[in-house]
mmCIF file of all heavy atoms, coordinates in Angstrom:
data_MODEL
# 
_entry.id   MODEL 
# 
loop_
_atom_site.group_PDB 
_atom_site.id 
_atom_site.type_symbol 
_atom_site.label_atom_id 
_atom_site.label_alt_id 
_atom_site.label_comp_id 
_atom_site.label_asym_id 
_atom_site.label_entity_id 
_atom_site.label_seq_id 
_atom_site.pdbx_PDB_ins_code 
_atom_site.Cartn_x 
_atom_site.Cartn_y 
_atom_site.Cartn_z 
_atom_site.occupancy 
_atom_site.B_iso_or_equiv 
_atom_site.pdbx_formal_charge 
_atom_site.auth_seq_id 
_atom_site.auth_comp_id 
_atom_site.auth_asym_id 
_atom_site.auth_atom_id 
_atom_site.pdbx_PDB_model_num 
ATOM 1   N N   . PHE A 1 1  ? 41.772 -77.755 -14.273 1.00 0.00 ? 1  PHE A N   1 
ATOM 2   C CA  . PHE A 1 1  ? 42.339 -76.906 -13.228 1.00 0.00 ? 1  PHE A CA  1 
ATOM 3   C C   . PHE A 1 1  ? 41.495 -75.648 -13.088 1.00 0.00 ? 1  PHE A C   1 
ATOM 4   O O   . PHE A 1 1  ? 41.243 -74.935 -14.081 1.00 0.00 ? 1  PHE A O   1 
ATOM 5   C CB  . PHE A 1 1  ? 43.778 -76.522 -13.570 1.00 0.00 ? 1  PHE A CB  1 
ATOM 6   C CG  . PHE A 1 1  ? 44.731 -77.688 -13.609 1.00 0.00 ? 1  PHE A CG  1 
ATOM 7   C CD1 . PHE A 1 1  ? 44.996 -78.345 -14.815 1.00 0.00 ? 1  PHE A CD1 1 
ATOM 8   C CD2 . PHE A 1 1  ? 45.320 -78.175 -12.452 1.00 0.00 ? 1  PHE A CD2 1 
ATOM 9   C CE1 . PHE A 1 1  ? 45.861 -79.422 -14.855 1.00 0.00 ? 1  PHE A CE1 1 
ATOM 10  C CE2 . PHE A 1 1  ? 46.165 -79.268 -12.483 1.00 0.00 ? 1  PHE A CE2 1 
ATOM 11  C CZ  . PHE A 1 1  ? 46.431 -79.891 -13.707 1.00 0.00 ? 1  PHE A CZ  1 
ATOM 12  N N   . ILE A 1 2  ? 41.060 -75.395 -11.876 1.00 0.00 ? 2  ILE A N   1 
ATOM 13  C CA  . ILE A 1 2  ? 40.312 -74.165 -11.574 1.00 0.00 ? 2  ILE A CA  1 
ATOM 14  C C   . ILE A 1 2  ? 41.230 -73.241 -10.742 1.00 0.00 ? 2  ILE A C   1 
ATOM 15  O O   . ILE A 1 2  ? 41.762 -73.660 -9.706  1.00 0.00 ? 2  ILE A O   1 
ATOM 16  C CB  . ILE A 1 2  ? 39.034 -74.459 -10.783 1.00 0.00 ? 2  ILE A CB  1 
ATOM 17  C CG1 . ILE A 1 2  ? 38.030 -75.223 -11.661 1.00 0.00 ? 2  ILE A CG1 1 
ATOM 18  C CG2 . ILE A 1 2  ? 38.403 -73.160 -10.296 1.00 0.00 ? 2  ILE A CG2 1 
ATOM 19  C CD1 . ILE A 1 2  ? 36.733 -75.523 -10.966 1.00 0.00 ? 2  ILE A CD1 1 
ATOM 20  N N   . SER A 1 3  ? 41.417 -72.045 -11.255 1.00 0.00 ? 3  SER A N   1 
ATOM 21  C CA  . SER A 1 3  ? 42.283 -71.098 -10.555 1.00 0.00 ? 3  SER A CA  1 
ATOM 22  C C   . SER A 1 3  ? 41.606 -69.730 -10.525 1.00 0.00 ? 3  SER A C   1 
ATOM 23  O O   . SER A 1 3  ? 41.109 -69.267 -11.547 1.00 0.00 ? 3  SER A O   1 
ATOM 24  C CB  . SER A 1 3  ? 43.628 -71.000 -11.257 1.00 0.00 ? 3  SER A CB  1 
ATOM 25  O OG  . SER A 1 3  ? 44.486 -70.080 -10.580 1.00 0.00 ? 3  SER A OG  1 
ATOM 26  N N   . VAL A 1 4  ? 41.585 -69.124 -9.342  1.00 0.00 ? 4  VAL A N   1 
ATOM 27  C CA  . VAL A 1 4  ? 40.989 -67.795 -9.178  1.00 0.00 ? 4  VAL A CA  1 
ATOM 28  C C   . VAL A 1 4  ? 42.049 -66.828 -8.720  1.00 0.00 ? 4  VAL A C   1 
ATOM 29  O O   . VAL A 1 4  ? 42.737 -67.071 -7.722  1.00 0.00 ? 4  VAL A O   1 
ATOM 30  C CB  . VAL A 1 4  ? 39.807 -67.837 -8.146  1.00 0.00 ? 4  VAL A CB  1 
ATOM 31  C CG1 . VAL A 1 4  ? 39.313 -66.428 -7.877  1.00 0.00 ? 4  VAL A CG1 1 
ATOM 32  C CG2 . VAL A 1 4  ? 38.691 -68.710 -8.702  1.00 0.00 ? 4  VAL A CG2 1 
ATOM 33  N N   . GLY A 1 5  ? 42.166 -65.747 -9.413  1.00 0.00 ? 5  GLY A N   1 
ATOM 34  C CA  . GLY A 1 5  ? 43.084 -64.674 -9.012  1.00 0.00 ? 5  GLY A CA  1 
ATOM 35  C C   . GLY A 1 5  ? 42.431 -63.810 -7.953  1.00 0.00 ? 5  GLY A C   1 
ATOM 36  O O   . GLY A 1 5  ? 41.326 -63.287 -8.169  1.00 0.00 ? 5  GLY A O   1 
ATOM 37  N N   . GLU A 1 6  ? 43.100 -63.684 -6.820  1.00 0.00 ? 6  GLU A N   1 
ATOM 38  C CA  . GLU A 1 6  ? 42.560 -62.867 -5.733  1.00 0.00 ? 6  GLU A CA  1 
ATOM 39  C C   . GLU A 1 6  ? 42.951 -61.421 -5.956  1.00 0.00 ? 6  GLU A C   1 
ATOM 40  O O   . GLU A 1 6  ? 44.122 -61.070 -5.956  1.00 0.00 ? 6  GLU A O   1 
ATOM 41  C CB  . GLU A 1 6  ? 43.060 -63.360 -4.400  1.00 0.00 ? 6  GLU A CB  1 
ATOM 42  C CG  . GLU A 1 6  ? 42.435 -62.665 -3.224  1.00 0.00 ? 6  GLU A CG  1 
ATOM 43  C CD  . GLU A 1 6  ? 42.867 -63.278 -1.902  1.00 0.00 ? 6  GLU A CD  1 
ATOM 44  O OE1 . GLU A 1 6  ? 43.812 -64.084 -1.895  1.00 0.00 ? 6  GLU A OE1 1 
ATOM 45  O OE2 . GLU A 1 6  ? 42.272 -62.917 -0.891  1.00 0.00 ? 6  GLU A OE2 1 
ATOM 46  N N   . PHE A 1 7  ? 41.945 -60.582 -6.058  1.00 0.00 ? 7  PHE A N   1 
ATOM 47  C CA  . PHE A 1 7  ? 42.161 -59.164 -6.325  1.00 0.00 ? 7  PHE A CA  1 
ATOM 48  C C   . PHE A 1 7  ? 42.238 -58.448 -4.977  1.00 0.00 ? 7  PHE A C   1 
ATOM 49  O O   . PHE A 1 7  ? 41.223 -58.166 -4.355  1.00 0.00 ? 7  PHE A O   1 
ATOM 50  C CB  . PHE A 1 7  ? 41.025 -58.595 -7.187  1.00 0.00 ? 7  PHE A CB  1 
ATOM 51  C CG  . PHE A 1 7  ? 41.291 -57.232 -7.721  1.00 0.00 ? 7  PHE A CG  1 
ATOM 52  C CD1 . PHE A 1 7  ? 42.032 -57.060 -8.859  1.00 0.00 ? 7  PHE A CD1 1 
ATOM 53  C CD2 . PHE A 1 7  ? 40.827 -56.099 -7.043  1.00 0.00 ? 7  PHE A CD2 1 
ATOM 54  C CE1 . PHE A 1 7  ? 42.287 -55.811 -9.373  1.00 0.00 ? 7  PHE A CE1 1 
ATOM 55  C CE2 . PHE A 1 7  ? 41.067 -54.845 -7.551  1.00 0.00 ? 7  PHE A CE2 1 
ATOM 56  C CZ  . PHE A 1 7  ? 41.811 -54.693 -8.705  1.00 0.00 ? 7  PHE A CZ  1 
ATOM 57  N N   . ASP A 1 8  ? 43.475 -58.188 -4.502  1.00 0.00 ? 8  ASP A N   1 
ATOM 58  C CA  . ASP A 1 8  ? 43.615 -57.558 -3.192  1.00 0.00 ? 8  ASP A CA  1 
ATOM 59  C C   . ASP A 1 8  ? 43.986 -56.073 -3.338  1.00 0.00 ? 8  ASP A C   1 
ATOM 60  O O   . ASP A 1 8  ? 44.044 -55.537 -4.430  1.00 0.00 ? 8  ASP A O   1 
ATOM 61  C CB  . ASP A 1 8  ? 44.632 -58.312 -2.330  1.00 0.00 ? 8  ASP A CB  1 
ATOM 62  C CG  . ASP A 1 8  ? 46.058 -58.282 -2.921  1.00 0.00 ? 8  ASP A CG  1 
ATOM 63  O OD1 . ASP A 1 8  ? 46.322 -57.414 -3.779  1.00 0.00 ? 8  ASP A OD1 1 
ATOM 64  O OD2 . ASP A 1 8  ? 46.881 -59.128 -2.527  1.00 0.00 ? 8  ASP A OD2 1 
ATOM 65  N N   . SER A 1 9  ? 44.214 -55.426 -2.196  1.00 0.00 ? 9  SER A N   1 
ATOM 66  C CA  . SER A 1 9  ? 44.414 -53.988 -2.193  1.00 0.00 ? 9  SER A CA  1 
ATOM 67  C C   . SER A 1 9  ? 45.663 -53.554 -2.924  1.00 0.00 ? 9  SER A C   1 
ATOM 68  O O   . SER A 1 9  ? 45.736 -52.440 -3.410  1.00 0.00 ? 9  SER A O   1 
ATOM 69  C CB  . SER A 1 9  ? 44.477 -53.477 -0.740  1.00 0.00 ? 9  SER A CB  1 
ATOM 70  O OG  . SER A 1 9  ? 45.552 -54.070 -0.066  1.00 0.00 ? 9  SER A OG  1 
ATOM 71  N N   . SER A 1 10 ? 46.663 -54.414 -3.010  1.00 0.00 ? 10 SER A N   1 
ATOM 72  C CA  . SER A 1 10 ? 47.891 -54.036 -3.716  1.00 0.00 ? 10 SER A CA  1 
ATOM 73  C C   . SER A 1 10 ? 47.681 -53.886 -5.203  1.00 0.00 ? 10 SER A C   1 
ATOM 74  O O   . SER A 1 10 ? 48.491 -53.263 -5.890  1.00 0.00 ? 10 SER A O   1 
ATOM 75  C CB  . SER A 1 10 ? 48.986 -55.072 -3.432  1.00 0.00 ? 10 SER A CB  1 
ATOM 76  O OG  . SER A 1 10 ? 48.613 -56.332 -4.008  1.00 0.00 ? 10 SER A OG  1 
ATOM 77  N N   . LEU A 1 11 ? 46.583 -54.440 -5.728  1.00 0.00 ? 11 LEU A N   1 
ATOM 78  C CA  . LEU A 1 11 ? 46.291 -54.336 -7.151  1.00 0.00 ? 11 LEU A CA  1 
ATOM 79  C C   . LEU A 1 11 ? 45.210 -53.300 -7.455  1.00 0.00 ? 11 LEU A C   1 
ATOM 80  O O   . LEU A 1 11 ? 44.828 -53.149 -8.604  1.00 0.00 ? 11 LEU A O   1 
ATOM 81  C CB  . LEU A 1 11 ? 45.834 -55.714 -7.682  1.00 0.00 ? 11 LEU A CB  1 
ATOM 82  C CG  . LEU A 1 11 ? 46.829 -56.851 -7.541  1.00 0.00 ? 11 LEU A CG  1 
ATOM 83  C CD1 . LEU A 1 11 ? 46.181 -58.163 -7.939  1.00 0.00 ? 11 LEU A CD1 1 
ATOM 84  C CD2 . LEU A 1 11 ? 48.051 -56.600 -8.409  1.00 0.00 ? 11 LEU A CD2 1 
ATOM 85  N N   . LEU A 1 12 ? 44.730 -52.619 -6.426  1.00 0.00 ? 12 LEU A N   1 
ATOM 86  C CA  . LEU A 1 12 ? 43.649 -51.652 -6.594  1.00 0.00 ? 12 LEU A CA  1 
ATOM 87  C C   . LEU A 1 12 ? 44.230 -50.338 -7.109  1.00 0.00 ? 12 LEU A C   1 
ATOM 88  O O   . LEU A 1 12 ? 44.210 -49.314 -6.442  1.00 0.00 ? 12 LEU A O   1 
ATOM 89  C CB  . LEU A 1 12 ? 42.898 -51.434 -5.284  1.00 0.00 ? 12 LEU A CB  1 
ATOM 90  C CG  . LEU A 1 12 ? 41.558 -50.667 -5.383  1.00 0.00 ? 12 LEU A CG  1 
ATOM 91  C CD1 . LEU A 1 12 ? 40.610 -51.384 -6.298  1.00 0.00 ? 12 LEU A CD1 1 
ATOM 92  C CD2 . LEU A 1 12 ? 40.967 -50.512 -3.987  1.00 0.00 ? 12 LEU A CD2 1 
ATOM 93  N N   . LYS A 1 13 ? 44.755 -50.371 -8.329  1.00 0.00 ? 13 LYS A N   1 
ATOM 94  C CA  . LYS A 1 13 ? 45.399 -49.198 -8.913  1.00 0.00 ? 13 LYS A CA  1 
ATOM 95  C C   . LYS A 1 13 ? 44.781 -48.840 -10.267 1.00 0.00 ? 13 LYS A C   1 
ATOM 96  O O   . LYS A 1 13 ? 44.570 -47.680 -10.564 1.00 0.00 ? 13 LYS A O   1 
ATOM 97  C CB  . LYS A 1 13 ? 46.910 -49.454 -9.083  1.00 0.00 ? 13 LYS A CB  1 
ATOM 98  C CG  . LYS A 1 13 ? 47.645 -49.701 -7.785  1.00 0.00 ? 13 LYS A CG  1 
ATOM 99  C CD  . LYS A 1 13 ? 49.102 -50.059 -7.996  1.00 0.00 ? 13 LYS A CD  1 
ATOM 100 C CE  . LYS A 1 13 ? 49.806 -50.336 -6.674  1.00 0.00 ? 13 LYS A CE  1 
ATOM 101 N NZ  . LYS A 1 13 ? 51.201 -50.752 -6.868  1.00 0.00 ? 13 LYS A NZ  1 
ATOM 102 N N   . GLY A 1 14 ? 44.506 -49.847 -11.098 1.00 0.00 ? 14 GLY A N   1 
ATOM 103 C CA  . GLY A 1 14 ? 43.949 -49.552 -12.396 1.00 0.00 ? 14 GLY A CA  1 
ATOM 104 C C   . GLY A 1 14 ? 43.689 -50.827 -13.178 1.00 0.00 ? 14 GLY A C   1 
ATOM 105 O O   . GLY A 1 14 ? 43.963 -51.946 -12.736 1.00 0.00 ? 14 GLY A O   1 
ATOM 106 N N   . HIS A 1 15 ? 43.157 -50.643 -14.396 1.00 0.00 ? 15 HIS A N   1 
ATOM 107 C CA  . HIS A 1 15 ? 42.776 -51.783 -15.219 1.00 0.00 ? 15 HIS A CA  1 
ATOM 108 C C   . HIS A 1 15 ? 43.993 -52.580 -15.703 1.00 0.00 ? 15 HIS A C   1 
ATOM 109 O O   . HIS A 1 15 ? 43.895 -53.793 -15.901 1.00 0.00 ? 15 HIS A O   1 
ATOM 110 C CB  . HIS A 1 15 ? 41.974 -51.295 -16.417 1.00 0.00 ? 15 HIS A CB  1 
ATOM 111 C CG  . HIS A 1 15 ? 41.284 -52.363 -17.164 1.00 0.00 ? 15 HIS A CG  1 
ATOM 112 N ND1 . HIS A 1 15 ? 40.349 -53.209 -16.595 1.00 0.00 ? 15 HIS A ND1 1 
ATOM 113 C CD2 . HIS A 1 15 ? 41.394 -52.795 -18.465 1.00 0.00 ? 15 HIS A CD2 1 
ATOM 114 C CE1 . HIS A 1 15 ? 39.903 -54.073 -17.487 1.00 0.00 ? 15 HIS A CE1 1 
ATOM 115 N NE2 . HIS A 1 15 ? 40.554 -53.846 -18.634 1.00 0.00 ? 15 HIS A NE2 1 
ATOM 116 N N   . ASP A 1 16 ? 45.149 -51.917 -15.885 1.00 0.00 ? 16 ASP A N   1 
ATOM 117 C CA  . ASP A 1 16 ? 46.343 -52.624 -16.339 1.00 0.00 ? 16 ASP A CA  1 
ATOM 118 C C   . ASP A 1 16 ? 46.752 -53.693 -15.338 1.00 0.00 ? 16 ASP A C   1 
ATOM 119 O O   . ASP A 1 16 ? 47.192 -54.788 -15.731 1.00 0.00 ? 16 ASP A O   1 
ATOM 120 C CB  . ASP A 1 16 ? 47.496 -51.621 -16.556 1.00 0.00 ? 16 ASP A CB  1 
ATOM 121 C CG  . ASP A 1 16 ? 47.244 -50.712 -17.726 1.00 0.00 ? 16 ASP A CG  1 
ATOM 122 O OD1 . ASP A 1 16 ? 46.396 -51.049 -18.567 1.00 0.00 ? 16 ASP A OD1 1 
ATOM 123 O OD2 . ASP A 1 16 ? 47.891 -49.643 -17.802 1.00 0.00 ? 16 ASP A OD2 1 
ATOM 124 N N   . GLU A 1 17 ? 46.636 -53.386 -14.043 1.00 0.00 ? 17 GLU A N   1 
ATOM 125 C CA  . GLU A 1 17 ? 47.002 -54.368 -13.022 1.00 0.00 ? 17 GLU A CA  1 
ATOM 126 C C   . GLU A 1 17 ? 46.089 -55.587 -13.086 1.00 0.00 ? 17 GLU A C   1 
ATOM 127 O O   . GLU A 1 17 ? 46.530 -56.709 -12.849 1.00 0.00 ? 17 GLU A O   1 
ATOM 128 C CB  . GLU A 1 17 ? 46.954 -53.741 -11.617 1.00 0.00 ? 17 GLU A CB  1 
ATOM 129 C CG  . GLU A 1 17 ? 48.093 -52.840 -11.264 1.00 0.00 ? 17 GLU A CG  1 
ATOM 130 C CD  . GLU A 1 17 ? 48.091 -51.514 -12.016 1.00 0.00 ? 17 GLU A CD  1 
ATOM 131 O OE1 . GLU A 1 17 ? 47.039 -51.170 -12.559 1.00 0.00 ? 17 GLU A OE1 1 
ATOM 132 O OE2 . GLU A 1 17 ? 49.115 -50.813 -12.020 1.00 0.00 ? 17 GLU A OE2 1 
ATOM 133 N N   . VAL A 1 18 ? 44.806 -55.358 -13.410 1.00 0.00 ? 18 VAL A N   1 
ATOM 134 C CA  . VAL A 1 18 ? 43.869 -56.473 -13.552 1.00 0.00 ? 18 VAL A CA  1 
ATOM 135 C C   . VAL A 1 18 ? 44.284 -57.369 -14.699 1.00 0.00 ? 18 VAL A C   1 
ATOM 136 O O   . VAL A 1 18 ? 44.299 -58.607 -14.582 1.00 0.00 ? 18 VAL A O   1 
ATOM 137 C CB  . VAL A 1 18 ? 42.427 -55.947 -13.754 1.00 0.00 ? 18 VAL A CB  1 
ATOM 138 C CG1 . VAL A 1 18 ? 41.467 -57.113 -13.971 1.00 0.00 ? 18 VAL A CG1 1 
ATOM 139 C CG2 . VAL A 1 18 ? 41.991 -55.117 -12.567 1.00 0.00 ? 18 VAL A CG2 1 
ATOM 140 N N   . ASN A 1 19 ? 44.644 -56.774 -15.844 1.00 0.00 ? 19 ASN A N   1 
ATOM 141 C CA  . ASN A 1 19 ? 45.055 -57.572 -16.994 1.00 0.00 ? 19 ASN A CA  1 
ATOM 142 C C   . ASN A 1 19 ? 46.338 -58.359 -16.685 1.00 0.00 ? 19 ASN A C   1 
ATOM 143 O O   . ASN A 1 19 ? 46.452 -59.525 -17.106 1.00 0.00 ? 19 ASN A O   1 
ATOM 144 C CB  . ASN A 1 19 ? 45.311 -56.643 -18.195 1.00 0.00 ? 19 ASN A CB  1 
ATOM 145 C CG  . ASN A 1 19 ? 44.028 -56.030 -18.745 1.00 0.00 ? 19 ASN A CG  1 
ATOM 146 O OD1 . ASN A 1 19 ? 42.946 -56.598 -18.560 1.00 0.00 ? 19 ASN A OD1 1 
ATOM 147 N ND2 . ASN A 1 19 ? 44.121 -54.873 -19.354 1.00 0.00 ? 19 ASN A ND2 1 
ATOM 148 N N   . GLN A 1 20 ? 47.282 -57.747 -15.984 1.00 0.00 ? 20 GLN A N   1 
ATOM 149 C CA  . GLN A 1 20 ? 48.519 -58.449 -15.643 1.00 0.00 ? 20 GLN A CA  1 
ATOM 150 C C   . GLN A 1 20 ? 48.204 -59.632 -14.733 1.00 0.00 ? 20 GLN A C   1 
ATOM 151 O O   . GLN A 1 20 ? 48.793 -60.720 -14.885 1.00 0.00 ? 20 GLN A O   1 
ATOM 152 C CB  . GLN A 1 20 ? 49.480 -57.504 -14.959 1.00 0.00 ? 20 GLN A CB  1 
ATOM 153 C CG  . GLN A 1 20 ? 50.034 -56.426 -15.879 1.00 0.00 ? 20 GLN A CG  1 
ATOM 154 C CD  . GLN A 1 20 ? 50.872 -55.403 -15.130 1.00 0.00 ? 20 GLN A CD  1 
ATOM 155 O OE1 . GLN A 1 20 ? 51.194 -55.591 -13.948 1.00 0.00 ? 20 GLN A OE1 1 
ATOM 156 N NE2 . GLN A 1 20 ? 51.250 -54.320 -15.807 1.00 0.00 ? 20 GLN A NE2 1 
ATOM 157 N N   . LEU A 1 21 ? 47.278 -59.464 -13.788 1.00 0.00 ? 21 LEU A N   1 
ATOM 158 C CA  . LEU A 1 21 ? 46.916 -60.568 -12.900 1.00 0.00 ? 21 LEU A CA  1 
ATOM 159 C C   . LEU A 1 21 ? 46.270 -61.705 -13.684 1.00 0.00 ? 21 LEU A C   1 
ATOM 160 O O   . LEU A 1 21 ? 46.587 -62.881 -13.463 1.00 0.00 ? 21 LEU A O   1 
ATOM 161 C CB  . LEU A 1 21 ? 45.952 -60.069 -11.820 1.00 0.00 ? 21 LEU A CB  1 
ATOM 162 C CG  . LEU A 1 21 ? 45.463 -61.115 -10.822 1.00 0.00 ? 21 LEU A CG  1 
ATOM 163 C CD1 . LEU A 1 21 ? 46.600 -61.755 -10.067 1.00 0.00 ? 21 LEU A CD1 1 
ATOM 164 C CD2 . LEU A 1 21 ? 44.472 -60.469 -9.841  1.00 0.00 ? 21 LEU A CD2 1 
ATOM 165 N N   . GLU A 1 22 ? 45.392 -61.390 -14.619 1.00 0.00 ? 22 GLU A N   1 
ATOM 166 C CA  . GLU A 1 22 ? 44.750 -62.431 -15.439 1.00 0.00 ? 22 GLU A CA  1 
ATOM 167 C C   . GLU A 1 22 ? 45.759 -63.186 -16.249 1.00 0.00 ? 22 GLU A C   1 
ATOM 168 O O   . GLU A 1 22 ? 45.689 -64.395 -16.393 1.00 0.00 ? 22 GLU A O   1 
ATOM 169 C CB  . GLU A 1 22 ? 43.680 -61.794 -16.313 1.00 0.00 ? 22 GLU A CB  1 
ATOM 170 C CG  . GLU A 1 22 ? 42.402 -61.395 -15.579 1.00 0.00 ? 22 GLU A CG  1 
ATOM 171 C CD  . GLU A 1 22 ? 41.294 -61.023 -16.533 1.00 0.00 ? 22 GLU A CD  1 
ATOM 172 O OE1 . GLU A 1 22 ? 41.488 -60.088 -17.335 1.00 0.00 ? 22 GLU A OE1 1 
ATOM 173 O OE2 . GLU A 1 22 ? 40.224 -61.660 -16.488 1.00 0.00 ? 22 GLU A OE2 1 
ATOM 174 N N   . GLU A 1 23 ? 46.715 -62.455 -16.843 1.00 0.00 ? 23 GLU A N   1 
ATOM 175 C CA  . GLU A 1 23 ? 47.751 -63.105 -17.628 1.00 0.00 ? 23 GLU A CA  1 
ATOM 176 C C   . GLU A 1 23 ? 48.587 -64.049 -16.773 1.00 0.00 ? 23 GLU A C   1 
ATOM 177 O O   . GLU A 1 23 ? 48.951 -65.151 -17.202 1.00 0.00 ? 23 GLU A O   1 
ATOM 178 C CB  . GLU A 1 23 ? 48.641 -62.049 -18.295 1.00 0.00 ? 23 GLU A CB  1 
ATOM 179 C CG  . GLU A 1 23 ? 47.956 -61.247 -19.380 1.00 0.00 ? 23 GLU A CG  1 
ATOM 180 C CD  . GLU A 1 23 ? 48.823 -60.129 -19.922 1.00 0.00 ? 23 GLU A CD  1 
ATOM 181 O OE1 . GLU A 1 23 ? 50.005 -60.003 -19.454 1.00 0.00 ? 23 GLU A OE1 1 
ATOM 182 O OE2 . GLU A 1 23 ? 48.348 -59.350 -20.766 1.00 0.00 ? 23 GLU A OE2 1 
ATOM 183 N N   . GLN A 1 24 ? 48.895 -63.631 -15.553 1.00 0.00 ? 24 GLN A N   1 
ATOM 184 C CA  . GLN A 1 24 ? 49.701 -64.477 -14.654 1.00 0.00 ? 24 GLN A CA  1 
ATOM 185 C C   . GLN A 1 24 ? 48.915 -65.743 -14.257 1.00 0.00 ? 24 GLN A C   1 
ATOM 186 O O   . GLN A 1 24 ? 49.474 -66.828 -14.226 1.00 0.00 ? 24 GLN A O   1 
ATOM 187 C CB  . GLN A 1 24 ? 50.077 -63.692 -13.408 1.00 0.00 ? 24 GLN A CB  1 
ATOM 188 C CG  . GLN A 1 24 ? 50.931 -64.461 -12.407 1.00 0.00 ? 24 GLN A CG  1 
ATOM 189 C CD  . GLN A 1 24 ? 52.275 -64.850 -12.999 1.00 0.00 ? 24 GLN A CD  1 
ATOM 190 O OE1 . GLN A 1 24 ? 52.958 -64.025 -13.581 1.00 0.00 ? 24 GLN A OE1 1 
ATOM 191 N NE2 . GLN A 1 24 ? 52.630 -66.123 -12.875 1.00 0.00 ? 24 GLN A NE2 1 
ATOM 192 N N   . ILE A 1 25 ? 47.633 -65.589 -14.016 1.00 0.00 ? 25 ILE A N   1 
ATOM 193 C CA  . ILE A 1 25 ? 46.793 -66.760 -13.649 1.00 0.00 ? 25 ILE A CA  1 
ATOM 194 C C   . ILE A 1 25 ? 46.737 -67.765 -14.792 1.00 0.00 ? 25 ILE A C   1 
ATOM 195 O O   . ILE A 1 25 ? 46.929 -68.962 -14.600 1.00 0.00 ? 25 ILE A O   1 
ATOM 196 C CB  . ILE A 1 25 ? 45.355 -66.317 -13.296 1.00 0.00 ? 25 ILE A CB  1 
ATOM 197 C CG1 . ILE A 1 25 ? 45.381 -65.394 -12.053 1.00 0.00 ? 25 ILE A CG1 1 
ATOM 198 C CG2 . ILE A 1 25 ? 44.463 -67.518 -13.031 1.00 0.00 ? 25 ILE A CG2 1 
ATOM 199 C CD1 . ILE A 1 25 ? 44.081 -64.653 -11.872 1.00 0.00 ? 25 ILE A CD1 1 
ATOM 200 N N   . ASN A 1 26 ? 46.515 -67.276 -15.999 1.00 0.00 ? 26 ASN A N   1 
ATOM 201 C CA  . ASN A 1 26 ? 46.439 -68.159 -17.164 1.00 0.00 ? 26 ASN A CA  1 
ATOM 202 C C   . ASN A 1 26 ? 47.766 -68.842 -17.428 1.00 0.00 ? 26 ASN A C   1 
ATOM 203 O O   . ASN A 1 26 ? 47.844 -70.031 -17.780 1.00 0.00 ? 26 ASN A O   1 
ATOM 204 C CB  . ASN A 1 26 ? 45.988 -67.377 -18.378 1.00 0.00 ? 26 ASN A CB  1 
ATOM 205 C CG  . ASN A 1 26 ? 44.545 -66.898 -18.308 1.00 0.00 ? 26 ASN A CG  1 
ATOM 206 O OD1 . ASN A 1 26 ? 43.728 -67.512 -17.596 1.00 0.00 ? 26 ASN A OD1 1 
ATOM 207 N ND2 . ASN A 1 26 ? 44.223 -65.812 -18.951 1.00 0.00 ? 26 ASN A ND2 1 
# 
């Protein structure tokens, strides 16, 4: 399974939001 998390403007706040997105994708 290949899954890519799309980093959009609603997540452009900080590094914590990036980590949360990666955790959700995994």
